[in-house]
Amino acid sequence: LTAVAQFENSGEGEKVARHMEGFMLLLDQQFDNDLI
């Protein structure tokens, strides 16, 4: 999220969207591994 915030702050919408896709995959992984 810290990396995504940099793109958000500079208004780089395409990069925010792409990195949020990665964040959702990371969320899936964390859930599958019982970390959340």
PDB file of all heavy atoms in Angstrom:
ATOM      1  N   LEU A   1       0.819  -1.219   0.000  1.00  0.00           N
ATOM      2  CA  LEU A   1       0.000   0.000   0.000  1.00  0.00           C
ATOM      3  C   LEU A   1       0.850   1.265   0.000  1.00  0.00           C
ATOM      4  O   LEU A   1       0.468   2.271  -0.609  1.00  0.00           O
ATOM      5  CB  LEU A   1      -0.948   0.005   1.196  1.00  0.00           C
ATOM      6  CG  LEU A   1      -2.112  -0.976   1.119  1.00  0.00           C
ATOM      7  CD1 LEU A   1      -2.869  -1.002   2.436  1.00  0.00           C
ATOM      8  CD2 LEU A   1      -3.045  -0.641  -0.032  1.00  0.00           C
ATOM      9  N   THR A   2       1.980   1.232   0.653  1.00  0.00           N
ATOM     10  CA  THR A   2       2.877   2.391   0.671  1.00  0.00           C
ATOM     11  C   THR A   2       3.345   2.718  -0.741  1.00  0.00           C
ATOM     12  O   THR A   2       3.391   3.892  -1.137  1.00  0.00           O
ATOM     13  CB  THR A   2       4.080   2.135   1.603  1.00  0.00           C
ATOM     14  OG1 THR A   2       3.570   1.936   2.934  1.00  0.00           O
ATOM     15  CG2 THR A   2       5.054   3.301   1.605  1.00  0.00           C
ATOM     16  N   ALA A   3       3.658   1.685  -1.513  1.00  0.00           N
ATOM     17  CA  ALA A   3       4.054   1.900  -2.906  1.00  0.00           C
ATOM     18  C   ALA A   3       2.891   2.460  -3.725  1.00  0.00           C
ATOM     19  O   ALA A   3       3.070   3.382  -4.522  1.00  0.00           O
ATOM     20  CB  ALA A   3       4.553   0.589  -3.519  1.00  0.00           C
ATOM     21  N   VAL A   4       1.698   1.930  -3.514  1.00  0.00           N
ATOM     22  CA  VAL A   4       0.515   2.398  -4.248  1.00  0.00           C
ATOM     23  C   VAL A   4       0.230   3.864  -3.910  1.00  0.00           C
ATOM     24  O   VAL A   4      -0.155   4.652  -4.781  1.00  0.00           O
ATOM     25  CB  VAL A   4      -0.716   1.517  -3.945  1.00  0.00           C
ATOM     26  CG1 VAL A   4      -1.954   2.064  -4.637  1.00  0.00           C
ATOM     27  CG2 VAL A   4      -0.473   0.074  -4.369  1.00  0.00           C
ATOM     28  N   ALA A   5       0.445   4.238  -2.662  1.00  0.00           N
ATOM     29  CA  ALA A   5       0.177   5.611  -2.232  1.00  0.00           C
ATOM     30  C   ALA A   5       1.010   6.616  -3.019  1.00  0.00           C
ATOM     31  O   ALA A   5       0.545   7.720  -3.322  1.00  0.00           O
ATOM     32  CB  ALA A   5       0.447   5.761  -0.739  1.00  0.00           C
ATOM     33  N   GLN A   6       2.222   6.248  -3.378  1.00  0.00           N
ATOM     34  CA  GLN A   6       3.070   7.140  -4.168  1.00  0.00           C
ATOM     35  C   GLN A   6       2.441   7.420  -5.525  1.00  0.00           C
ATOM     36  O   GLN A   6       2.463   8.551  -6.005  1.00  0.00           O
ATOM     37  CB  GLN A   6       4.462   6.547  -4.329  1.00  0.00           C
ATOM     38  CG  GLN A   6       5.229   6.473  -3.034  1.00  0.00           C
ATOM     39  CD  GLN A   6       6.587   5.806  -3.197  1.00  0.00           C
ATOM     40  OE1 GLN A   6       7.036   5.510  -4.290  1.00  0.00           O
ATOM     41  NE2 GLN A   6       7.252   5.575  -2.084  1.00  0.00           N
ATOM     42  N   PHE A   7       1.883   6.386  -6.145  1.00  0.00           N
ATOM     43  CA  PHE A   7       1.219   6.567  -7.432  1.00  0.00           C
ATOM     44  C   PHE A   7      -0.070   7.367  -7.270  1.00  0.00           C
ATOM     45  O   PHE A   7      -0.395   8.208  -8.103  1.00  0.00           O
ATOM     46  CB  PHE A   7       0.932   5.220  -8.102  1.00  0.00           C
ATOM     47  CG  PHE A   7       2.170   4.429  -8.397  1.00  0.00           C
ATOM     48  CD1 PHE A   7       2.325   3.157  -7.901  1.00  0.00           C
ATOM     49  CD2 PHE A   7       3.183   4.964  -9.176  1.00  0.00           C
ATOM     50  CE1 PHE A   7       3.465   2.418  -8.178  1.00  0.00           C
ATOM     51  CE2 PHE A   7       4.326   4.242  -9.459  1.00  0.00           C
ATOM     52  CZ  PHE A   7       4.465   2.961  -8.951  1.00  0.00           C
ATOM     53  N   GLU A   8      -0.792   7.100  -6.193  1.00  0.00           N
ATOM     54  CA  GLU A   8      -2.029   7.834  -5.925  1.00  0.00           C
ATOM     55  C   GLU A   8      -1.723   9.323  -5.746  1.00  0.00           C
ATOM     56  O   GLU A   8      -2.412  10.180  -6.305  1.00  0.00           O
ATOM     57  CB  GLU A   8      -2.700   7.280  -4.675  1.00  0.00           C
ATOM     58  CG  GLU A   8      -4.008   7.969  -4.341  1.00  0.00           C
ATOM     59  CD  GLU A   8      -4.609   7.451  -3.057  1.00  0.00           C
ATOM     60  OE1 GLU A   8      -3.896   7.449  -2.021  1.00  0.00           O
ATOM     61  OE2 GLU A   8      -5.774   7.062  -3.080  1.00  0.00           O
ATOM     62  N   ASN A   9      -0.692   9.623  -4.972  1.00  0.00           N
ATOM     63  CA  ASN A   9      -0.340  11.018  -4.702  1.00  0.00           C
ATOM     64  C   ASN A   9       0.107  11.769  -5.945  1.00  0.00           C
ATOM     65  O   ASN A   9      -0.048  12.990  -6.022  1.00  0.00           O
ATOM     66  CB  ASN A   9       0.741  11.095  -3.626  1.00  0.00           C
ATOM     67  CG  ASN A   9       0.227  10.682  -2.268  1.00  0.00           C
ATOM     68  OD1 ASN A   9      -0.964  10.757  -1.988  1.00  0.00           O
ATOM     69  ND2 ASN A   9       1.118  10.210  -1.422  1.00  0.00           N
ATOM     70  N   SER A  10       0.656  11.056  -6.917  1.00  0.00           N
ATOM     71  CA  SER A  10       1.083  11.714  -8.153  1.00  0.00           C
ATOM     72  C   SER A  10       0.024  11.624  -9.251  1.00  0.00           C
ATOM     73  O   SER A  10       0.255  12.056 -10.378  1.00  0.00           O
ATOM     74  CB  SER A  10       2.419  11.132  -8.634  1.00  0.00           C
ATOM     75  OG  SER A  10       2.290   9.759  -8.934  1.00  0.00           O
ATOM     76  N   GLY A  11      -1.143  11.055  -8.925  1.00  0.00           N
ATOM     77  CA  GLY A  11      -2.256  11.005  -9.866  1.00  0.00           C
ATOM     78  C   GLY A  11      -2.081  10.012 -10.998  1.00  0.00           C
ATOM     79  O   GLY A  11      -2.728  10.140 -12.031  1.00  0.00           O
ATOM     80  N   GLU A  12      -1.252   9.013 -10.796  1.00  0.00           N
ATOM     81  CA  GLU A  12      -1.002   8.008 -11.837  1.00  0.00           C
ATOM     82  C   GLU A  12      -2.015   6.867 -11.709  1.00  0.00           C
ATOM     83  O   GLU A  12      -1.720   5.792 -11.197  1.00  0.00           O
ATOM     84  CB  GLU A  12       0.427   7.480 -11.732  1.00  0.00           C
ATOM     85  CG  GLU A  12       1.476   8.564 -11.955  1.00  0.00           C
ATOM     86  CD  GLU A  12       2.885   8.046 -11.803  1.00  0.00           C
ATOM     87  OE1 GLU A  12       3.304   7.265 -12.674  1.00  0.00           O
ATOM     88  OE2 GLU A  12       3.535   8.411 -10.817  1.00  0.00           O
ATOM     89  N   GLY A  13      -3.216   7.132 -12.214  1.00  0.00           N
ATOM     90  CA  GLY A  13      -4.338   6.215 -12.049  1.00  0.00           C
ATOM     91  C   GLY A  13      -4.110   4.830 -12.579  1.00  0.00           C
ATOM     92  O   GLY A  13      -4.497   3.842 -11.947  1.00  0.00           O
ATOM     93  N   GLU A  14      -3.490   4.721 -13.746  1.00  0.00           N
ATOM     94  CA  GLU A  14      -3.259   3.399 -14.334  1.00  0.00           C
ATOM     95  C   GLU A  14      -2.360   2.551 -13.428  1.00  0.00           C
ATOM     96  O   GLU A  14      -2.603   1.359 -13.232  1.00  0.00           O
ATOM     97  CB  GLU A  14      -2.612   3.553 -15.715  1.00  0.00           C
ATOM     98  CG  GLU A  14      -2.399   2.238 -16.430  1.00  0.00           C
ATOM     99  CD  GLU A  14      -1.793   2.439 -17.811  1.00  0.00           C
ATOM    100  OE1 GLU A  14      -2.299   3.290 -18.567  1.00  0.00           O
ATOM    101  OE2 GLU A  14      -0.825   1.735 -18.116  1.00  0.00           O
ATOM    102  N   LYS A  15      -1.339   3.181 -12.851  1.00  0.00           N
ATOM    103  CA  LYS A  15      -0.435   2.456 -11.955  1.00  0.00           C
ATOM    104  C   LYS A  15      -1.123   2.097 -10.647  1.00  0.00           C
ATOM    105  O   LYS A  15      -0.895   1.018 -10.092  1.00  0.00           O
ATOM    106  CB  LYS A  15       0.833   3.265 -11.696  1.00  0.00           C
ATOM    107  CG  LYS A  15       1.733   3.335 -12.910  1.00  0.00           C
ATOM    108  CD  LYS A  15       3.015   4.082 -12.609  1.00  0.00           C
ATOM    109  CE  LYS A  15       3.901   4.118 -13.850  1.00  0.00           C
ATOM    110  NZ  LYS A  15       5.158   4.826 -13.593  1.00  0.00           N
ATOM    111  N   VAL A  16      -1.973   2.986 -10.151  1.00  0.00           N
ATOM    112  CA  VAL A  16      -2.722   2.669  -8.936  1.00  0.00           C
ATOM    113  C   VAL A  16      -3.595   1.439  -9.190  1.00  0.00           C
ATOM    114  O   VAL A  16      -3.580   0.483  -8.409  1.00  0.00           O
ATOM    115  CB  VAL A  16      -3.609   3.855  -8.475  1.00  0.00           C
ATOM    116  CG1 VAL A  16      -4.534   3.428  -7.330  1.00  0.00           C
ATOM    117  CG2 VAL A  16      -2.764   5.040  -8.059  1.00  0.00           C
ATOM    118  N   ALA A  17      -4.333   1.441 -10.291  1.00  0.00           N
ATOM    119  CA  ALA A  17      -5.222   0.320 -10.611  1.00  0.00           C
ATOM    120  C   ALA A  17      -4.428  -0.977 -10.762  1.00  0.00           C
ATOM    121  O   ALA A  17      -4.811  -2.015 -10.206  1.00  0.00           O
ATOM    122  CB  ALA A  17      -6.020   0.616 -11.882  1.00  0.00           C
ATOM    123  N   ARG A  18      -3.322  -0.930 -11.473  1.00  0.00           N
ATOM    124  CA  ARG A  18      -2.522  -2.130 -11.699  1.00  0.00           C
ATOM    125  C   ARG A  18      -1.973  -2.667 -10.370  1.00  0.00           C
ATOM    126  O   ARG A  18      -2.007  -3.871 -10.113  1.00  0.00           O
ATOM    127  CB  ARG A  18      -1.383  -1.842 -12.673  1.00  0.00           C
ATOM    128  CG  ARG A  18      -0.596  -3.081 -13.045  1.00  0.00           C
ATOM    129  CD  ARG A  18       0.412  -2.845 -14.153  1.00  0.00           C
ATOM    130  NE  ARG A  18       1.439  -1.895 -13.722  1.00  0.00           N
ATOM    131  CZ  ARG A  18       1.715  -0.745 -14.348  1.00  0.00           C
ATOM    132  NH1 ARG A  18       1.038  -0.402 -15.420  1.00  0.00           N
ATOM    133  NH2 ARG A  18       2.662   0.037 -13.907  1.00  0.00           N
ATOM    134  N   HIS A  19      -1.490  -1.777  -9.530  1.00  0.00           N
ATOM    135  CA  HIS A  19      -0.935  -2.220  -8.255  1.00  0.00           C
ATOM    136  C   HIS A  19      -2.021  -2.664  -7.271  1.00  0.00           C
ATOM    137  O   HIS A  19      -1.760  -3.492  -6.398  1.00  0.00           O
ATOM    138  CB  HIS A  19      -0.043  -1.140  -7.660  1.00  0.00           C
ATOM    139  CG  HIS A  19       1.297  -1.076  -8.319  1.00  0.00           C
ATOM    140  ND1 HIS A  19       1.487  -0.446  -9.519  1.00  0.00           N
ATOM    141  CD2 HIS A  19       2.486  -1.604  -7.978  1.00  0.00           C
ATOM    142  CE1 HIS A  19       2.751  -0.571  -9.877  1.00  0.00           C
ATOM    143  NE2 HIS A  19       3.380  -1.270  -8.951  1.00  0.00           N
ATOM    144  N   MET A  20      -3.217  -2.137  -7.403  1.00  0.00           N
ATOM    145  CA  MET A  20      -4.314  -2.627  -6.563  1.00  0.00           C
ATOM    146  C   MET A  20      -4.714  -4.037  -6.974  1.00  0.00           C
ATOM    147  O   MET A  20      -5.126  -4.835  -6.127  1.00  0.00           O
ATOM    148  CB  MET A  20      -5.513  -1.680  -6.602  1.00  0.00           C
ATOM    149  CG  MET A  20      -5.291  -0.379  -5.820  1.00  0.00           C
ATOM    150  SD  MET A  20      -4.631  -0.586  -4.143  1.00  0.00           S
ATOM    151  CE  MET A  20      -5.955  -1.473  -3.338  1.00  0.00           C
ATOM    152  N   GLU A  21      -4.572  -4.364  -8.246  1.00  0.00           N
ATOM    153  CA  GLU A  21      -4.792  -5.751  -8.665  1.00  0.00           C
ATOM    154  C   GLU A  21      -3.808  -6.659  -7.943  1.00  0.00           C
ATOM    155  O   GLU A  21      -4.169  -7.732  -7.452  1.00  0.00           O
ATOM    156  CB  GLU A  21      -4.634  -5.894 -10.179  1.00  0.00           C
ATOM    157  CG  GLU A  21      -5.766  -5.306 -10.981  1.00  0.00           C
ATOM    158  CD  GLU A  21      -5.549  -5.397 -12.478  1.00  0.00           C
ATOM    159  OE1 GLU A  21      -4.380  -5.360 -12.936  1.00  0.00           O
ATOM    160  OE2 GLU A  21      -6.550  -5.504 -13.200  1.00  0.00           O
ATOM    161  N   GLY A  22      -2.545  -6.221  -7.879  1.00  0.00           N
ATOM    162  CA  GLY A  22      -1.529  -6.986  -7.157  1.00  0.00           C
ATOM    163  C   GLY A  22      -1.836  -7.079  -5.672  1.00  0.00           C
ATOM    164  O   GLY A  22      -1.604  -8.123  -5.041  1.00  0.00           O
ATOM    165  N   PHE A  23      -2.362  -6.005  -5.113  1.00  0.00           N
ATOM    166  CA  PHE A  23      -2.737  -6.008  -3.697  1.00  0.00           C
ATOM    167  C   PHE A  23      -3.834  -7.041  -3.444  1.00  0.00           C
ATOM    168  O   PHE A  23      -3.792  -7.767  -2.444  1.00  0.00           O
ATOM    169  CB  PHE A  23      -3.200  -4.613  -3.269  1.00  0.00           C
ATOM    170  CG  PHE A  23      -3.615  -4.523  -1.828  1.00  0.00           C
ATOM    171  CD1 PHE A  23      -2.662  -4.426  -0.830  1.00  0.00           C
ATOM    172  CD2 PHE A  23      -4.950  -4.532  -1.473  1.00  0.00           C
ATOM    173  CE1 PHE A  23      -3.034  -4.341   0.507  1.00  0.00           C
ATOM    174  CE2 PHE A  23      -5.338  -4.444  -0.148  1.00  0.00           C
ATOM    175  CZ  PHE A  23      -4.373  -4.350   0.852  1.00  0.00           C
ATOM    176  N   MET A  24      -4.792  -7.130  -4.349  1.00  0.00           N
ATOM    177  CA  MET A  24      -5.878  -8.105  -4.179  1.00  0.00           C
ATOM    178  C   MET A  24      -5.341  -9.535  -4.260  1.00  0.00           C
ATOM    179  O   MET A  24      -5.781 -10.413  -3.513  1.00  0.00           O
ATOM    180  CB  MET A  24      -6.989  -7.848  -5.187  1.00  0.00           C
ATOM    181  CG  MET A  24      -7.778  -6.587  -4.856  1.00  0.00           C
ATOM    182  SD  MET A  24      -9.202  -6.298  -5.918  1.00  0.00           S
ATOM    183  CE  MET A  24      -8.445  -5.434  -7.287  1.00  0.00           C
ATOM    184  N   LEU A  25      -4.374  -9.772  -5.124  1.00  0.00           N
ATOM    185  CA  LEU A  25      -3.746 -11.099  -5.193  1.00  0.00           C
ATOM    186  C   LEU A  25      -2.993 -11.406  -3.896  1.00  0.00           C
ATOM    187  O   LEU A  25      -3.036 -12.532  -3.390  1.00  0.00           O
ATOM    188  CB  LEU A  25      -2.796 -11.188  -6.386  1.00  0.00           C
ATOM    189  CG  LEU A  25      -3.456 -11.174  -7.766  1.00  0.00           C
ATOM    190  CD1 LEU A  25      -2.393 -11.094  -8.859  1.00  0.00           C
ATOM    191  CD2 LEU A  25      -4.343 -12.390  -7.956  1.00  0.00           C
ATOM    192  N   LEU A  26      -2.318 -10.397  -3.358  1.00  0.00           N
ATOM    193  CA  LEU A  26      -1.615 -10.564  -2.092  1.00  0.00           C
ATOM    194  C   LEU A  26      -2.605 -10.852  -0.969  1.00  0.00           C
ATOM    195  O   LEU A  26      -2.349 -11.715  -0.115  1.00  0.00           O
ATOM    196  CB  LEU A  26      -0.789  -9.311  -1.790  1.00  0.00           C
ATOM    197  CG  LEU A  26       0.027  -9.309  -0.507  1.00  0.00           C
ATOM    198  CD1 LEU A  26       1.034 -10.461  -0.482  1.00  0.00           C
ATOM    199  CD2 LEU A  26       0.745  -7.970  -0.353  1.00  0.00           C
ATOM    200  N   LEU A  27      -3.731 -10.168  -0.983  1.00  0.00           N
ATOM    201  CA  LEU A  27      -4.778 -10.442   0.011  1.00  0.00           C
ATOM    202  C   LEU A  27      -5.239 -11.890  -0.075  1.00  0.00           C
ATOM    203  O   LEU A  27      -5.383 -12.561   0.949  1.00  0.00           O
ATOM    204  CB  LEU A  27      -5.991  -9.538  -0.229  1.00  0.00           C
ATOM    205  CG  LEU A  27      -6.075  -8.217   0.478  1.00  0.00           C
ATOM    206  CD1 LEU A  27      -7.328  -7.471   0.036  1.00  0.00           C
ATOM    207  CD2 LEU A  27      -6.036  -8.362   1.971  1.00  0.00           C
ATOM    208  N   ASP A  28      -5.459 -12.362  -1.301  1.00  0.00           N
ATOM    209  CA  ASP A  28      -5.873 -13.759  -1.492  1.00  0.00           C
ATOM    210  C   ASP A  28      -4.849 -14.703  -0.872  1.00  0.00           C
ATOM    211  O   ASP A  28      -5.203 -15.661  -0.168  1.00  0.00           O
ATOM    212  CB  ASP A  28      -6.021 -14.089  -2.977  1.00  0.00           C
ATOM    213  CG  ASP A  28      -7.181 -13.372  -3.642  1.00  0.00           C
ATOM    214  OD1 ASP A  28      -8.075 -12.860  -2.934  1.00  0.00           O
ATOM    215  OD2 ASP A  28      -7.190 -13.312  -4.893  1.00  0.00           O
ATOM    216  N   GLN A  29      -3.579 -14.430  -1.127  1.00  0.00           N
ATOM    217  CA  GLN A  29      -2.501 -15.270  -0.618  1.00  0.00           C
ATOM    218  C   GLN A  29      -2.455 -15.240   0.913  1.00  0.00           C
ATOM    219  O   GLN A  29      -2.314 -16.288   1.555  1.00  0.00           O
ATOM    220  CB  GLN A  29      -1.175 -14.800  -1.200  1.00  0.00           C
ATOM    221  CG  GLN A  29       0.023 -15.597  -0.747  1.00  0.00           C
ATOM    222  CD  GLN A  29       1.312 -15.011  -1.274  1.00  0.00           C
ATOM    223  OE1 GLN A  29       1.489 -13.804  -1.290  1.00  0.00           O
ATOM    224  NE2 GLN A  29       2.203 -15.884  -1.694  1.00  0.00           N
ATOM    225  N   GLN A  30      -2.600 -14.060   1.494  1.00  0.00           N
ATOM    226  CA  GLN A  30      -2.566 -13.932   2.949  1.00  0.00           C
ATOM    227  C   GLN A  30      -3.736 -14.686   3.579  1.00  0.00           C
ATOM    228  O   GLN A  30      -3.573 -15.348   4.604  1.00  0.00           O
ATOM    229  CB  GLN A  30      -2.609 -12.452   3.365  1.00  0.00           C
ATOM    230  CG  GLN A  30      -1.467 -11.616   2.845  1.00  0.00           C
ATOM    231  CD  GLN A  30      -0.113 -12.064   3.342  1.00  0.00           C
ATOM    232  OE1 GLN A  30       0.060 -12.347   4.515  1.00  0.00           O
ATOM    233  NE2 GLN A  30       0.849 -12.125   2.454  1.00  0.00           N
ATOM    234  N   PHE A  31      -4.905 -14.612   2.947  1.00  0.00           N
ATOM    235  CA  PHE A  31      -6.077 -15.327   3.458  1.00  0.00           C
ATOM    236  C   PHE A  31      -5.882 -16.839   3.329  1.00  0.00           C
ATOM    237  O   PHE A  31      -6.162 -17.595   4.263  1.00  0.00           O
ATOM    238  CB  PHE A  31      -7.337 -14.873   2.722  1.00  0.00           C
ATOM    239  CG  PHE A  31      -8.584 -15.570   3.180  1.00  0.00           C
ATOM    240  CD1 PHE A  31      -9.076 -15.380   4.460  1.00  0.00           C
ATOM    241  CD2 PHE A  31      -9.260 -16.430   2.333  1.00  0.00           C
ATOM    242  CE1 PHE A  31     -10.226 -16.019   4.888  1.00  0.00           C
ATOM    243  CE2 PHE A  31     -10.412 -17.075   2.752  1.00  0.00           C
ATOM    244  CZ  PHE A  31     -10.895 -16.873   4.033  1.00  0.00           C
ATOM    245  N   ASP A  32      -5.396 -17.271   2.168  1.00  0.00           N
ATOM    246  CA  ASP A  32      -5.173 -18.706   1.941  1.00  0.00           C
ATOM    247  C   ASP A  32      -4.168 -19.289   2.931  1.00  0.00           C
ATOM    248  O   ASP A  32      -4.230 -20.480   3.254  1.00  0.00           O
ATOM    249  CB  ASP A  32      -4.695 -18.960   0.509  1.00  0.00           C
ATOM    250  CG  ASP A  32      -5.778 -18.707  -0.529  1.00  0.00           C
ATOM    251  OD1 ASP A  32      -6.974 -18.633  -0.157  1.00  0.00           O
ATOM    252  OD2 ASP A  32      -5.438 -18.567  -1.721  1.00  0.00           O
ATOM    253  N   ASN A  33      -3.247 -18.461   3.402  1.00  0.00           N
ATOM    254  CA  ASN A  33      -2.237 -18.911   4.362  1.00  0.00           C
ATOM    255  C   ASN A  33      -2.625 -18.633   5.816  1.00  0.00           C
ATOM    256  O   ASN A  33      -1.785 -18.698   6.712  1.00  0.00           O
ATOM    257  CB  ASN A  33      -0.886 -18.259   4.045  1.00  0.00           C
ATOM    258  CG  ASN A  33      -0.286 -18.798   2.767  1.00  0.00           C
ATOM    259  OD1 ASN A  33      -0.314 -19.999   2.513  1.00  0.00           O
ATOM    260  ND2 ASN A  33       0.249 -17.918   1.946  1.00  0.00           N
ATOM    261  N   ASP A  34      -3.907 -18.309   6.038  1.00  0.00           N
ATOM    262  CA  ASP A  34      -4.450 -18.081   7.381  1.00  0.00           C
ATOM    263  C   ASP A  34      -3.731 -16.970   8.145  1.00  0.00           C
ATOM    264  O   ASP A  34      -3.574 -17.037   9.361  1.00  0.00           O
ATOM    265  CB  ASP A  34      -4.431 -19.371   8.207  1.00  0.00           C
ATOM    266  CG  ASP A  34      -5.336 -20.441   7.618  1.00  0.00           C
ATOM    267  OD1 ASP A  34      -6.432 -20.080   7.147  1.00  0.00           O
ATOM    268  OD2 ASP A  34      -4.944 -21.623   7.627  1.00  0.00           O
ATOM    269  N   LEU A  35      -3.310 -15.925   7.421  1.00  0.00           N
ATOM    270  CA  LEU A  35      -2.642 -14.798   8.054  1.00  0.00           C
ATOM    271  C   LEU A  35      -3.596 -13.642   8.318  1.00  0.00           C
ATOM    272  O   LEU A  35      -3.243 -12.693   9.019  1.00  0.00           O
ATOM    273  CB  LEU A  35      -1.458 -14.328   7.202  1.00  0.00           C
ATOM    274  CG  LEU A  35      -0.359 -15.379   6.993  1.00  0.00           C
ATOM    275  CD1 LEU A  35       0.690 -14.864   6.031  1.00  0.00           C
ATOM    276  CD2 LEU A  35       0.263 -15.773   8.328  1.00  0.00           C
ATOM    277  N   ILE A  36      -4.811 -13.721   7.749  1.00  0.00           N
ATOM    278  CA  ILE A  36      -5.863 -12.748   8.022  1.00  0.00           C
ATOM    279  C   ILE A  36      -7.181 -13.511   8.151  1.00  0.00           C
ATOM    280  O   ILE A  36      -7.372 -14.554   7.530  1.00  0.00           O
ATOM    281  CB  ILE A  36      -5.979 -11.640   6.937  1.00  0.00           C
ATOM    282  CG1 ILE A  36      -6.309 -12.232   5.563  1.00  0.00           C
ATOM    283  CG2 ILE A  36      -4.710 -10.825   6.858  1.00  0.00           C
ATOM    284  CD1 ILE A  36      -6.543 -11.168   4.496  1.00  0.00           C
TER     285      ILE A  36
END
